[in-house]
């Protein structure tokens, strides 16, 4: 009979080794000390917070990059379709990076909504939000450096927040001038409600049977559908970090006047999703998830743990 290899942690190959054992001894001990200290730092910061930071960074980098591409090309069709695809692909890759470590929220309103229905600990919500804000701010900085020459060629190096060369619009969501802030609030509230409701449907395996590695693609399709269906009024953010951290960065370059645009619109894409997403989560849990009776489910596959290994068995 073939003997299975040990699955004990100490018998597994180490995934993070700074200095191998055959390294010169004069460097080996400092190297191991650095490795130990680095692991302690990562443990102190938290793997899940770092995953949220990098996942959000990737998501917002693609979202702002898509907006910049559409802005400089100046094609109205590209503005809508290209921007929606960029955000959808960005969140898909961001989820592939972070989902297995932090759950891949990449949105403060999603973290808050999951906490409201008991799917996420409340004490982690502020730390997730901080990681997401920092990731989005860094994404705004990277895009500014990437498009630095294009910006200067477009506006002559004169960055103004009001006028014909409003290049700051690349970094923020932009309300239609003929739409009131009340309508914008309803837009962001409903978009966040729909986003949270559909995300819970995608990750609810007893309901949809969708396997884990396809969930980022499902969420990406949700973002794309929101972008092409509900982005006319104010850009379809449905996510506080899509607007506020990049707007804060843009204020460092274009001036604080961008917070006064459209009668202080900046608070709308921050507050409205934080109300809409929890209500979307509560609605899904109370009206859909709690009624997933086993007799009504299709044939599913569930994971059964055997020791430290897993096998898949089909059940009715």
C-alpha atoms as a PDB file:
ATOM      1  CA  UNK A   1       0.000   0.000   0.000  1.00  0.00           C
ATOM      2  CA  UNK A   2       1.299   3.402  -0.927  1.00  0.00           C
ATOM      3  CA  UNK A   3       2.111   5.528   2.095  1.00  0.00           C
ATOM      4  CA  UNK A   4       0.757   9.023   1.854  1.00  0.00           C
ATOM      5  CA  UNK A   5       3.203  11.809   2.676  1.00  0.00           C
ATOM      6  CA  UNK A   6       2.879  13.477   6.032  1.00  0.00           C
ATOM      7  CA  UNK A   7       0.713  16.576   6.141  1.00  0.00           C
ATOM      8  CA  UNK A   8       2.117  17.891   9.401  1.00  0.00           C
ATOM      9  CA  UNK A   9       3.140  21.518   9.204  1.00  0.00           C
ATOM     10  CA  UNK A  10       6.762  20.861  10.135  1.00  0.00           C
ATOM     11  CA  UNK A  11       7.069  18.278   7.340  1.00  0.00           C
ATOM     12  CA  UNK A  12       5.802  20.594   4.618  1.00  0.00           C
ATOM     13  CA  UNK A  13       8.203  22.609   2.444  1.00  0.00           C
ATOM     14  CA  UNK A  14       8.439  26.162   3.715  1.00  0.00           C
ATOM     15  CA  UNK A  15       6.897  28.665   1.318  1.00  0.00           C
ATOM     16  CA  UNK A  16       8.892  31.643   2.568  1.00  0.00           C
ATOM     17  CA  UNK A  17      12.624  31.133   2.989  1.00  0.00           C
ATOM     18  CA  UNK A  18      14.868  34.162   2.728  1.00  0.00           C
ATOM     19  CA  UNK A  19      18.199  32.406   3.194  1.00  0.00           C
ATOM     20  CA  UNK A  20      18.621  28.657   2.533  1.00  0.00           C
ATOM     21  CA  UNK A  21      20.646  26.492   4.908  1.00  0.00           C
ATOM     22  CA  UNK A  22      23.587  26.157   2.501  1.00  0.00           C
ATOM     23  CA  UNK A  23      24.134  29.917   2.542  1.00  0.00           C
ATOM     24  CA  UNK A  24      27.451  31.218   4.005  1.00  0.00           C
ATOM     25  CA  UNK A  25      27.206  31.155   7.779  1.00  0.00           C
ATOM     26  CA  UNK A  26      28.211  34.798   8.101  1.00  0.00           C
ATOM     27  CA  UNK A  27      24.974  35.733   6.315  1.00  0.00           C
ATOM     28  CA  UNK A  28      22.766  32.835   7.320  1.00  0.00           C
ATOM     29  CA  UNK A  29      22.081  33.933  10.910  1.00  0.00           C
ATOM     30  CA  UNK A  30      21.282  37.570  10.024  1.00  0.00           C
ATOM     31  CA  UNK A  31      19.134  36.247   7.205  1.00  0.00           C
ATOM     32  CA  UNK A  32      17.149  33.970   9.501  1.00  0.00           C
ATOM     33  CA  UNK A  33      16.781  36.851  11.954  1.00  0.00           C
ATOM     34  CA  UNK A  34      15.388  39.024   9.154  1.00  0.00           C
ATOM     35  CA  UNK A  35      13.042  36.202   8.113  1.00  0.00           C
ATOM     36  CA  UNK A  36      11.777  35.803  11.673  1.00  0.00           C
ATOM     37  CA  UNK A  37      11.281  39.556  12.083  1.00  0.00           C
ATOM     38  CA  UNK A  38       9.497  39.830   8.724  1.00  0.00           C
ATOM     39  CA  UNK A  39       7.089  37.041   9.633  1.00  0.00           C
ATOM     40  CA  UNK A  40       6.361  38.758  12.943  1.00  0.00           C
ATOM     41  CA  UNK A  41       5.664  42.048  11.165  1.00  0.00           C
ATOM     42  CA  UNK A  42       3.308  40.373   8.684  1.00  0.00           C
ATOM     43  CA  UNK A  43       1.570  38.535  11.527  1.00  0.00           C
ATOM     44  CA  UNK A  44       1.218  41.791  13.485  1.00  0.00           C
ATOM     45  CA  UNK A  45      -0.236  43.695  10.528  1.00  0.00           C
ATOM     46  CA  UNK A  46      -2.481  40.811   9.562  1.00  0.00           C
ATOM     47  CA  UNK A  47      -2.520  38.783   6.381  1.00  0.00           C
ATOM     48  CA  UNK A  48      -6.156  39.609   5.752  1.00  0.00           C
ATOM     49  CA  UNK A  49      -5.575  43.365   5.966  1.00  0.00           C
ATOM     50  CA  UNK A  50      -2.675  43.137   3.538  1.00  0.00           C
ATOM     51  CA  UNK A  51      -4.826  41.062   1.189  1.00  0.00           C
ATOM     52  CA  UNK A  52      -7.544  43.722   1.325  1.00  0.00           C
ATOM     53  CA  UNK A  53      -4.964  46.418   0.634  1.00  0.00           C
ATOM     54  CA  UNK A  54      -3.523  44.715  -2.437  1.00  0.00           C
ATOM     55  CA  UNK A  55      -6.886  43.489  -3.719  1.00  0.00           C
ATOM     56  CA  UNK A  56      -8.335  46.995  -3.453  1.00  0.00           C
ATOM     57  CA  UNK A  57      -5.203  48.453  -5.023  1.00  0.00           C
ATOM     58  CA  UNK A  58      -5.597  46.217  -8.071  1.00  0.00           C
ATOM     59  CA  UNK A  59      -9.326  46.898  -8.357  1.00  0.00           C
ATOM     60  CA  UNK A  60      -9.085  50.692  -8.150  1.00  0.00           C
ATOM     61  CA  UNK A  61      -5.969  50.791 -10.324  1.00  0.00           C
ATOM     62  CA  UNK A  62      -7.920  49.171 -13.140  1.00  0.00           C
ATOM     63  CA  UNK A  63     -11.000  51.321 -12.492  1.00  0.00           C
ATOM     64  CA  UNK A  64      -9.098  54.625 -12.603  1.00  0.00           C
ATOM     65  CA  UNK A  65      -6.934  53.412 -15.479  1.00  0.00           C
ATOM     66  CA  UNK A  66     -10.026  52.577 -17.507  1.00  0.00           C
ATOM     67  CA  UNK A  67     -11.478  56.008 -16.764  1.00  0.00           C
ATOM     68  CA  UNK A  68      -8.222  57.678 -17.824  1.00  0.00           C
ATOM     69  CA  UNK A  69      -8.069  55.674 -21.033  1.00  0.00           C
ATOM     70  CA  UNK A  70     -11.615  56.658 -21.938  1.00  0.00           C
ATOM     71  CA  UNK A  71     -10.962  60.290 -20.986  1.00  0.00           C
ATOM     72  CA  UNK A  72      -7.943  60.708 -23.228  1.00  0.00           C
ATOM     73  CA  UNK A  73      -9.414  58.764 -26.136  1.00  0.00           C
ATOM     74  CA  UNK A  74     -12.581  60.841 -25.952  1.00  0.00           C
ATOM     75  CA  UNK A  75     -14.964  58.204 -27.290  1.00  0.00           C
ATOM     76  CA  UNK A  76     -18.388  58.180 -25.642  1.00  0.00           C
ATOM     77  CA  UNK A  77     -18.876  54.456 -26.285  1.00  0.00           C
ATOM     78  CA  UNK A  78     -15.497  53.697 -24.747  1.00  0.00           C
ATOM     79  CA  UNK A  79     -16.414  55.875 -21.767  1.00  0.00           C
ATOM     80  CA  UNK A  80     -19.255  53.544 -20.827  1.00  0.00           C
ATOM     81  CA  UNK A  81     -18.261  50.101 -22.046  1.00  0.00           C
ATOM     82  CA  UNK A  82     -14.495  50.372 -21.581  1.00  0.00           C
ATOM     83  CA  UNK A  83     -14.794  51.861 -18.105  1.00  0.00           C
ATOM     84  CA  UNK A  84     -17.250  49.166 -17.036  1.00  0.00           C
ATOM     85  CA  UNK A  85     -15.012  46.401 -18.386  1.00  0.00           C
ATOM     86  CA  UNK A  86     -11.945  47.876 -16.679  1.00  0.00           C
ATOM     87  CA  UNK A  87     -13.694  47.952 -13.299  1.00  0.00           C
ATOM     88  CA  UNK A  88     -15.088  44.436 -13.803  1.00  0.00           C
ATOM     89  CA  UNK A  89     -11.715  42.962 -14.739  1.00  0.00           C
ATOM     90  CA  UNK A  90     -10.030  44.879 -11.931  1.00  0.00           C
ATOM     91  CA  UNK A  91     -12.322  43.527  -9.239  1.00  0.00           C
ATOM     92  CA  UNK A  92     -12.040  40.019 -10.690  1.00  0.00           C
ATOM     93  CA  UNK A  93      -8.248  40.063 -10.413  1.00  0.00           C
ATOM     94  CA  UNK A  94      -8.455  41.800  -7.039  1.00  0.00           C
ATOM     95  CA  UNK A  95     -10.668  38.997  -5.761  1.00  0.00           C
ATOM     96  CA  UNK A  96      -8.329  36.334  -7.126  1.00  0.00           C
ATOM     97  CA  UNK A  97      -5.565  37.983  -5.076  1.00  0.00           C
ATOM     98  CA  UNK A  98      -7.480  38.485  -1.834  1.00  0.00           C
ATOM     99  CA  UNK A  99     -10.472  36.140  -1.693  1.00  0.00           C
ATOM    100  CA  UNK A 100      -8.656  33.152  -0.209  1.00  0.00           C
ATOM    101  CA  UNK A 101      -7.029  35.252   2.521  1.00  0.00           C
ATOM    102  CA  UNK A 102      -9.435  38.014   3.530  1.00  0.00           C
ATOM    103  CA  UNK A 103     -12.640  37.049   1.767  1.00  0.00           C
ATOM    104  CA  UNK A 104     -12.142  39.764  -0.835  1.00  0.00           C
ATOM    105  CA  UNK A 105     -14.471  42.540   0.324  1.00  0.00           C
ATOM    106  CA  UNK A 106     -12.679  45.433  -1.454  1.00  0.00           C
ATOM    107  CA  UNK A 107     -15.538  47.691  -0.407  1.00  0.00           C
ATOM    108  CA  UNK A 108     -16.306  49.177   3.044  1.00  0.00           C
ATOM    109  CA  UNK A 109     -20.045  48.904   2.448  1.00  0.00           C
ATOM    110  CA  UNK A 110     -19.669  45.166   1.734  1.00  0.00           C
ATOM    111  CA  UNK A 111     -17.725  44.682   4.974  1.00  0.00           C
ATOM    112  CA  UNK A 112     -20.412  46.594   6.856  1.00  0.00           C
ATOM    113  CA  UNK A 113     -23.227  44.667   5.191  1.00  0.00           C
ATOM    114  CA  UNK A 114     -21.670  41.303   6.016  1.00  0.00           C
ATOM    115  CA  UNK A 115     -21.208  42.394   9.629  1.00  0.00           C
ATOM    116  CA  UNK A 116     -24.890  43.325   9.845  1.00  0.00           C
ATOM    117  CA  UNK A 117     -25.960  39.775   8.971  1.00  0.00           C
ATOM    118  CA  UNK A 118     -23.374  38.071  11.177  1.00  0.00           C
ATOM    119  CA  UNK A 119     -21.094  36.901   8.366  1.00  0.00           C
ATOM    120  CA  UNK A 120     -18.144  39.072   9.429  1.00  0.00           C
ATOM    121  CA  UNK A 121     -16.867  40.165  12.867  1.00  0.00           C
ATOM    122  CA  UNK A 122     -17.664  43.769  13.734  1.00  0.00           C
ATOM    123  CA  UNK A 123     -14.266  44.466  15.248  1.00  0.00           C
ATOM    124  CA  UNK A 124     -12.557  43.840  11.903  1.00  0.00           C
ATOM    125  CA  UNK A 125     -14.698  46.290   9.950  1.00  0.00           C
ATOM    126  CA  UNK A 126     -12.685  49.462  10.738  1.00  0.00           C
ATOM    127  CA  UNK A 127      -9.371  47.722   9.986  1.00  0.00           C
ATOM    128  CA  UNK A 128     -10.684  46.417   6.664  1.00  0.00           C
ATOM    129  CA  UNK A 129     -11.903  49.915   5.825  1.00  0.00           C
ATOM    130  CA  UNK A 130      -8.491  51.409   6.599  1.00  0.00           C
ATOM    131  CA  UNK A 131      -6.759  48.826   4.387  1.00  0.00           C
ATOM    132  CA  UNK A 132      -9.229  49.473   1.568  1.00  0.00           C
ATOM    133  CA  UNK A 133      -8.845  53.253   1.795  1.00  0.00           C
ATOM    134  CA  UNK A 134      -5.051  53.011   1.726  1.00  0.00           C
ATOM    135  CA  UNK A 135      -5.161  50.634  -1.237  1.00  0.00           C
ATOM    136  CA  UNK A 136      -7.432  52.979  -3.186  1.00  0.00           C
ATOM    137  CA  UNK A 137      -5.276  56.012  -2.365  1.00  0.00           C
ATOM    138  CA  UNK A 138      -2.162  54.187  -3.548  1.00  0.00           C
ATOM    139  CA  UNK A 139      -3.972  53.219  -6.759  1.00  0.00           C
ATOM    140  CA  UNK A 140      -4.777  56.885  -7.371  1.00  0.00           C
ATOM    141  CA  UNK A 141      -1.113  57.806  -6.902  1.00  0.00           C
ATOM    142  CA  UNK A 142       0.097  55.077  -9.264  1.00  0.00           C
ATOM    143  CA  UNK A 143      -2.315  56.167 -11.986  1.00  0.00           C
ATOM    144  CA  UNK A 144      -1.231  59.784 -11.603  1.00  0.00           C
ATOM    145  CA  UNK A 145       2.400  58.785 -12.116  1.00  0.00           C
ATOM    146  CA  UNK A 146       1.468  56.538 -15.030  1.00  0.00           C
ATOM    147  CA  UNK A 147      -0.501  59.241 -16.868  1.00  0.00           C
ATOM    148  CA  UNK A 148       1.703  62.155 -15.769  1.00  0.00           C
ATOM    149  CA  UNK A 149       2.867  63.134 -19.256  1.00  0.00           C
ATOM    150  CA  UNK A 150      -0.566  62.596 -20.782  1.00  0.00           C
ATOM    151  CA  UNK A 151      -2.094  64.916 -18.166  1.00  0.00           C
ATOM    152  CA  UNK A 152       0.469  67.637 -18.814  1.00  0.00           C
ATOM    153  CA  UNK A 153       0.010  67.345 -22.564  1.00  0.00           C
ATOM    154  CA  UNK A 154      -3.756  67.626 -22.168  1.00  0.00           C
ATOM    155  CA  UNK A 155      -3.970  70.601 -19.798  1.00  0.00           C
ATOM    156  CA  UNK A 156      -0.544  72.138 -20.289  1.00  0.00           C
ATOM    157  CA  UNK A 157       0.481  71.322 -16.740  1.00  0.00           C
ATOM    158  CA  UNK A 158      -2.199  73.655 -15.345  1.00  0.00           C
ATOM    159  CA  UNK A 159      -4.339  71.391 -13.185  1.00  0.00           C
ATOM    160  CA  UNK A 160      -7.652  73.117 -12.537  1.00  0.00           C
ATOM    161  CA  UNK A 161     -10.809  71.626 -11.042  1.00  0.00           C
ATOM    162  CA  UNK A 162     -13.200  73.902 -12.886  1.00  0.00           C
ATOM    163  CA  UNK A 163     -13.170  74.653 -16.590  1.00  0.00           C
ATOM    164  CA  UNK A 164     -12.606  72.928 -19.895  1.00  0.00           C
ATOM    165  CA  UNK A 165      -9.567  70.944 -18.702  1.00  0.00           C
ATOM    166  CA  UNK A 166     -11.074  69.210 -15.673  1.00  0.00           C
ATOM    167  CA  UNK A 167      -8.641  66.313 -15.644  1.00  0.00           C
ATOM    168  CA  UNK A 168      -9.405  65.546 -11.999  1.00  0.00           C
ATOM    169  CA  UNK A 169     -12.556  63.797 -13.276  1.00  0.00           C
ATOM    170  CA  UNK A 170     -10.409  60.780 -14.095  1.00  0.00           C
ATOM    171  CA  UNK A 171     -10.001  60.088 -10.377  1.00  0.00           C
ATOM    172  CA  UNK A 172     -13.530  60.740  -9.154  1.00  0.00           C
ATOM    173  CA  UNK A 173     -17.060  59.748 -10.002  1.00  0.00           C
ATOM    174  CA  UNK A 174     -18.784  62.647 -11.697  1.00  0.00           C
ATOM    175  CA  UNK A 175     -22.432  63.615 -11.201  1.00  0.00           C
ATOM    176  CA  UNK A 176     -24.542  64.865 -14.058  1.00  0.00           C
ATOM    177  CA  UNK A 177     -25.089  68.620 -13.603  1.00  0.00           C
ATOM    178  CA  UNK A 178     -28.828  68.358 -14.290  1.00  0.00           C
ATOM    179  CA  UNK A 179     -29.405  65.657 -11.651  1.00  0.00           C
ATOM    180  CA  UNK A 180     -29.976  66.587  -8.000  1.00  0.00           C
ATOM    181  CA  UNK A 181     -27.949  65.230  -5.115  1.00  0.00           C
ATOM    182  CA  UNK A 182     -31.108  63.581  -3.799  1.00  0.00           C
ATOM    183  CA  UNK A 183     -31.365  61.599  -7.021  1.00  0.00           C
ATOM    184  CA  UNK A 184     -27.641  60.841  -6.799  1.00  0.00           C
ATOM    185  CA  UNK A 185     -28.174  59.549  -3.264  1.00  0.00           C
ATOM    186  CA  UNK A 186     -30.943  57.221  -4.435  1.00  0.00           C
ATOM    187  CA  UNK A 187     -28.701  56.087  -7.309  1.00  0.00           C
ATOM    188  CA  UNK A 188     -25.848  55.123  -5.003  1.00  0.00           C
ATOM    189  CA  UNK A 189     -28.163  53.608  -2.402  1.00  0.00           C
ATOM    190  CA  UNK A 190     -29.875  51.339  -4.915  1.00  0.00           C
ATOM    191  CA  UNK A 191     -26.627  50.391  -6.683  1.00  0.00           C
ATOM    192  CA  UNK A 192     -25.029  49.357  -3.383  1.00  0.00           C
ATOM    193  CA  UNK A 193     -28.199  47.502  -2.374  1.00  0.00           C
ATOM    194  CA  UNK A 194     -28.167  45.582  -5.645  1.00  0.00           C
ATOM    195  CA  UNK A 195     -24.423  44.931  -5.457  1.00  0.00           C
ATOM    196  CA  UNK A 196     -24.597  43.426  -1.962  1.00  0.00           C
ATOM    197  CA  UNK A 197     -27.737  41.426  -2.748  1.00  0.00           C
ATOM    198  CA  UNK A 198     -26.211  39.883  -5.886  1.00  0.00           C
ATOM    199  CA  UNK A 199     -22.835  39.188  -4.276  1.00  0.00           C
ATOM    200  CA  UNK A 200     -24.532  37.193  -1.529  1.00  0.00           C
ATOM    201  CA  UNK A 201     -26.385  35.264  -4.226  1.00  0.00           C
ATOM    202  CA  UNK A 202     -23.112  34.481  -6.024  1.00  0.00           C
ATOM    203  CA  UNK A 203     -21.352  33.211  -2.883  1.00  0.00           C
ATOM    204  CA  UNK A 204     -24.403  31.339  -1.514  1.00  0.00           C
ATOM    205  CA  UNK A 205     -23.423  27.826  -2.578  1.00  0.00           C
ATOM    206  CA  UNK A 206     -26.601  26.083  -1.329  1.00  0.00           C
ATOM    207  CA  UNK A 207     -28.560  28.427  -3.591  1.00  0.00           C
ATOM    208  CA  UNK A 208     -26.442  28.651  -6.748  1.00  0.00           C
ATOM    209  CA  UNK A 209     -23.935  25.814  -6.393  1.00  0.00           C
ATOM    210  CA  UNK A 210     -21.226  28.115  -7.791  1.00  0.00           C
ATOM    211  CA  UNK A 211     -17.756  26.794  -6.984  1.00  0.00           C
ATOM    212  CA  UNK A 212     -15.262  29.059  -5.273  1.00  0.00           C
ATOM    213  CA  UNK A 213     -12.876  29.831  -8.102  1.00  0.00           C
ATOM    214  CA  UNK A 214     -15.714  31.088 -10.321  1.00  0.00           C
ATOM    215  CA  UNK A 215     -17.014  33.570  -7.768  1.00  0.00           C
ATOM    216  CA  UNK A 216     -14.628  36.405  -8.750  1.00  0.00           C
ATOM    217  CA  UNK A 217     -15.893  36.131 -12.317  1.00  0.00           C
ATOM    218  CA  UNK A 218     -19.485  36.296 -11.091  1.00  0.00           C
ATOM    219  CA  UNK A 219     -18.740  39.418  -9.044  1.00  0.00           C
ATOM    220  CA  UNK A 220     -16.953  40.932 -12.035  1.00  0.00           C
ATOM    221  CA  UNK A 221     -20.076  40.433 -14.147  1.00  0.00           C
ATOM    222  CA  UNK A 222     -22.125  42.174 -11.454  1.00  0.00           C
ATOM    223  CA  UNK A 223     -19.799  45.183 -11.564  1.00  0.00           C
ATOM    224  CA  UNK A 224     -19.946  45.248 -15.364  1.00  0.00           C
ATOM    225  CA  UNK A 225     -23.748  45.106 -15.370  1.00  0.00           C
ATOM    226  CA  UNK A 226     -23.951  47.982 -12.883  1.00  0.00           C
ATOM    227  CA  UNK A 227     -21.488  49.982 -14.968  1.00  0.00           C
ATOM    228  CA  UNK A 228     -23.438  49.674 -18.203  1.00  0.00           C
ATOM    229  CA  UNK A 229     -26.887  49.978 -16.599  1.00  0.00           C
ATOM    230  CA  UNK A 230     -26.676  52.416 -13.680  1.00  0.00           C
ATOM    231  CA  UNK A 231     -23.715  54.728 -14.222  1.00  0.00           C
ATOM    232  CA  UNK A 232     -25.293  57.681 -16.028  1.00  0.00           C
ATOM    233  CA  UNK A 233     -26.317  59.730 -12.995  1.00  0.00           C
ATOM    234  CA  UNK A 234     -23.022  59.766 -11.132  1.00  0.00           C
ATOM    235  CA  UNK A 235     -20.638  57.147 -12.448  1.00  0.00           C
ATOM    236  CA  UNK A 236     -22.070  54.075 -10.721  1.00  0.00           C
ATOM    237  CA  UNK A 237     -19.497  53.732  -7.946  1.00  0.00           C
ATOM    238  CA  UNK A 238     -21.599  51.826  -5.361  1.00  0.00           C
ATOM    239  CA  UNK A 239     -18.374  51.802  -3.360  1.00  0.00           C
ATOM    240  CA  UNK A 240     -17.090  54.566  -1.040  1.00  0.00           C
ATOM    241  CA  UNK A 241     -13.453  53.885  -1.898  1.00  0.00           C
ATOM    242  CA  UNK A 242     -14.002  54.339  -5.628  1.00  0.00           C
ATOM    243  CA  UNK A 243     -14.579  58.042  -5.055  1.00  0.00           C
ATOM    244  CA  UNK A 244     -13.381  59.314  -1.671  1.00  0.00           C
ATOM    245  CA  UNK A 245      -9.711  58.170  -1.445  1.00  0.00           C
ATOM    246  CA  UNK A 246      -8.978  59.076  -5.102  1.00  0.00           C
ATOM    247  CA  UNK A 247     -10.777  62.395  -4.531  1.00  0.00           C
ATOM    248  CA  UNK A 248      -8.556  63.060  -1.517  1.00  0.00           C
ATOM    249  CA  UNK A 249      -5.508  62.352  -3.655  1.00  0.00           C
ATOM    250  CA  UNK A 250      -6.834  64.574  -6.438  1.00  0.00           C
ATOM    251  CA  UNK A 251      -7.354  67.357  -3.890  1.00  0.00           C
ATOM    252  CA  UNK A 252      -3.612  67.250  -3.195  1.00  0.00           C
ATOM    253  CA  UNK A 253      -2.958  68.025  -6.887  1.00  0.00           C
ATOM    254  CA  UNK A 254      -5.989  70.032  -8.053  1.00  0.00           C
ATOM    255  CA  UNK A 255      -6.905  71.694  -4.774  1.00  0.00           C
ATOM    256  CA  UNK A 256      -9.598  71.232  -2.132  1.00  0.00           C
ATOM    257  CA  UNK A 257     -12.153  72.901  -4.381  1.00  0.00           C
ATOM    258  CA  UNK A 258     -13.091  69.519  -5.850  1.00  0.00           C
ATOM    259  CA  UNK A 259     -14.967  68.796  -2.607  1.00  0.00           C
ATOM    260  CA  UNK A 260     -17.324  71.696  -3.413  1.00  0.00           C
ATOM    261  CA  UNK A 261     -18.221  70.417  -6.879  1.00  0.00           C
ATOM    262  CA  UNK A 262     -21.965  69.977  -7.503  1.00  0.00           C
ATOM    263  CA  UNK A 263     -23.017  71.396  -4.138  1.00  0.00           C
ATOM    264  CA  UNK A 264     -20.663  69.214  -2.049  1.00  0.00           C
ATOM    265  CA  UNK A 265     -21.602  66.008  -3.834  1.00  0.00           C
ATOM    266  CA  UNK A 266     -18.557  64.138  -2.441  1.00  0.00           C
ATOM    267  CA  UNK A 267     -20.430  62.779   0.596  1.00  0.00           C
ATOM    268  CA  UNK A 268     -23.110  61.046  -1.503  1.00  0.00           C
ATOM    269  CA  UNK A 269     -21.019  58.078  -2.817  1.00  0.00           C
ATOM    270  CA  UNK A 270     -19.646  57.632   0.711  1.00  0.00           C
ATOM    271  CA  UNK A 271     -22.805  57.599   2.835  1.00  0.00           C
ATOM    272  CA  UNK A 272     -25.393  56.122   0.464  1.00  0.00           C
ATOM    273  CA  UNK A 273     -23.573  52.784  -0.142  1.00  0.00           C
ATOM    274  CA  UNK A 274     -23.025  52.382   3.604  1.00  0.00           C
ATOM    275  CA  UNK A 275     -26.813  52.385   3.993  1.00  0.00           C
ATOM    276  CA  UNK A 276     -27.760  50.484   0.852  1.00  0.00           C
ATOM    277  CA  UNK A 277     -25.375  47.539   1.233  1.00  0.00           C
ATOM    278  CA  UNK A 278     -26.490  46.500   4.758  1.00  0.00           C
ATOM    279  CA  UNK A 279     -30.116  46.655   3.647  1.00  0.00           C
ATOM    280  CA  UNK A 280     -29.245  44.529   0.628  1.00  0.00           C
ATOM    281  CA  UNK A 281     -27.575  41.970   2.886  1.00  0.00           C
ATOM    282  CA  UNK A 282     -30.516  41.873   5.288  1.00  0.00           C
ATOM    283  CA  UNK A 283     -32.974  41.504   2.413  1.00  0.00           C
ATOM    284  CA  UNK A 284     -31.115  38.572   0.883  1.00  0.00           C
ATOM    285  CA  UNK A 285     -30.660  36.734   4.176  1.00  0.00           C
ATOM    286  CA  UNK A 286     -34.265  37.171   5.328  1.00  0.00           C
ATOM    287  CA  UNK A 287     -36.019  36.487   2.030  1.00  0.00           C
ATOM    288  CA  UNK A 288     -33.688  34.104   0.164  1.00  0.00           C
ATOM    289  CA  UNK A 289     -30.992  32.477   2.267  1.00  0.00           C
ATOM    290  CA  UNK A 290     -33.196  31.444   5.185  1.00  0.00           C
ATOM    291  CA  UNK A 291     -35.531  29.601   2.793  1.00  0.00           C
ATOM    292  CA  UNK A 292     -32.896  27.388   1.166  1.00  0.00           C
ATOM    293  CA  UNK A 293     -34.461  24.150   2.400  1.00  0.00           C
ATOM    294  CA  UNK A 294     -32.534  20.953   1.547  1.00  0.00           C
ATOM    295  CA  UNK A 295     -35.537  19.450  -0.249  1.00  0.00           C
ATOM    296  CA  UNK A 296     -35.567  22.395  -2.652  1.00  0.00           C
ATOM    297  CA  UNK A 297     -31.866  22.268  -3.518  1.00  0.00           C
ATOM    298  CA  UNK A 298     -30.391  20.639  -6.619  1.00  0.00           C
ATOM    299  CA  UNK A 299     -27.742  17.967  -6.323  1.00  0.00           C
ATOM    300  CA  UNK A 300     -24.752  19.666  -4.735  1.00  0.00           C
ATOM    301  CA  UNK A 301     -21.218  18.821  -3.827  1.00  0.00           C
ATOM    302  CA  UNK A 302     -20.058  19.395  -0.308  1.00  0.00           C
ATOM    303  CA  UNK A 303     -16.615  19.249   1.162  1.00  0.00           C
ATOM    304  CA  UNK A 304     -15.956  16.667   3.841  1.00  0.00           C
ATOM    305  CA  UNK A 305     -12.783  16.999   5.830  1.00  0.00           C
ATOM    306  CA  UNK A 306     -10.852  13.797   6.481  1.00  0.00           C
ATOM    307  CA  UNK A 307      -8.029  14.675   8.819  1.00  0.00           C
ATOM    308  CA  UNK A 308      -6.262  17.586   7.176  1.00  0.00           C
ATOM    309  CA  UNK A 309      -7.141  16.544   3.609  1.00  0.00           C
ATOM    310  CA  UNK A 310     -10.433  17.126   1.790  1.00  0.00           C
ATOM    311  CA  UNK A 311     -12.507  15.012  -0.498  1.00  0.00           C
ATOM    312  CA  UNK A 312     -15.597  15.834  -2.514  1.00  0.00           C
ATOM    313  CA  UNK A 313     -18.695  13.698  -2.344  1.00  0.00           C
ATOM    314  CA  UNK A 314     -22.016  14.132  -4.111  1.00  0.00           C
ATOM    315  CA  UNK A 315     -25.155  14.395  -2.019  1.00  0.00           C
ATOM    316  CA  UNK A 316     -28.793  14.793  -2.836  1.00  0.00           C
END
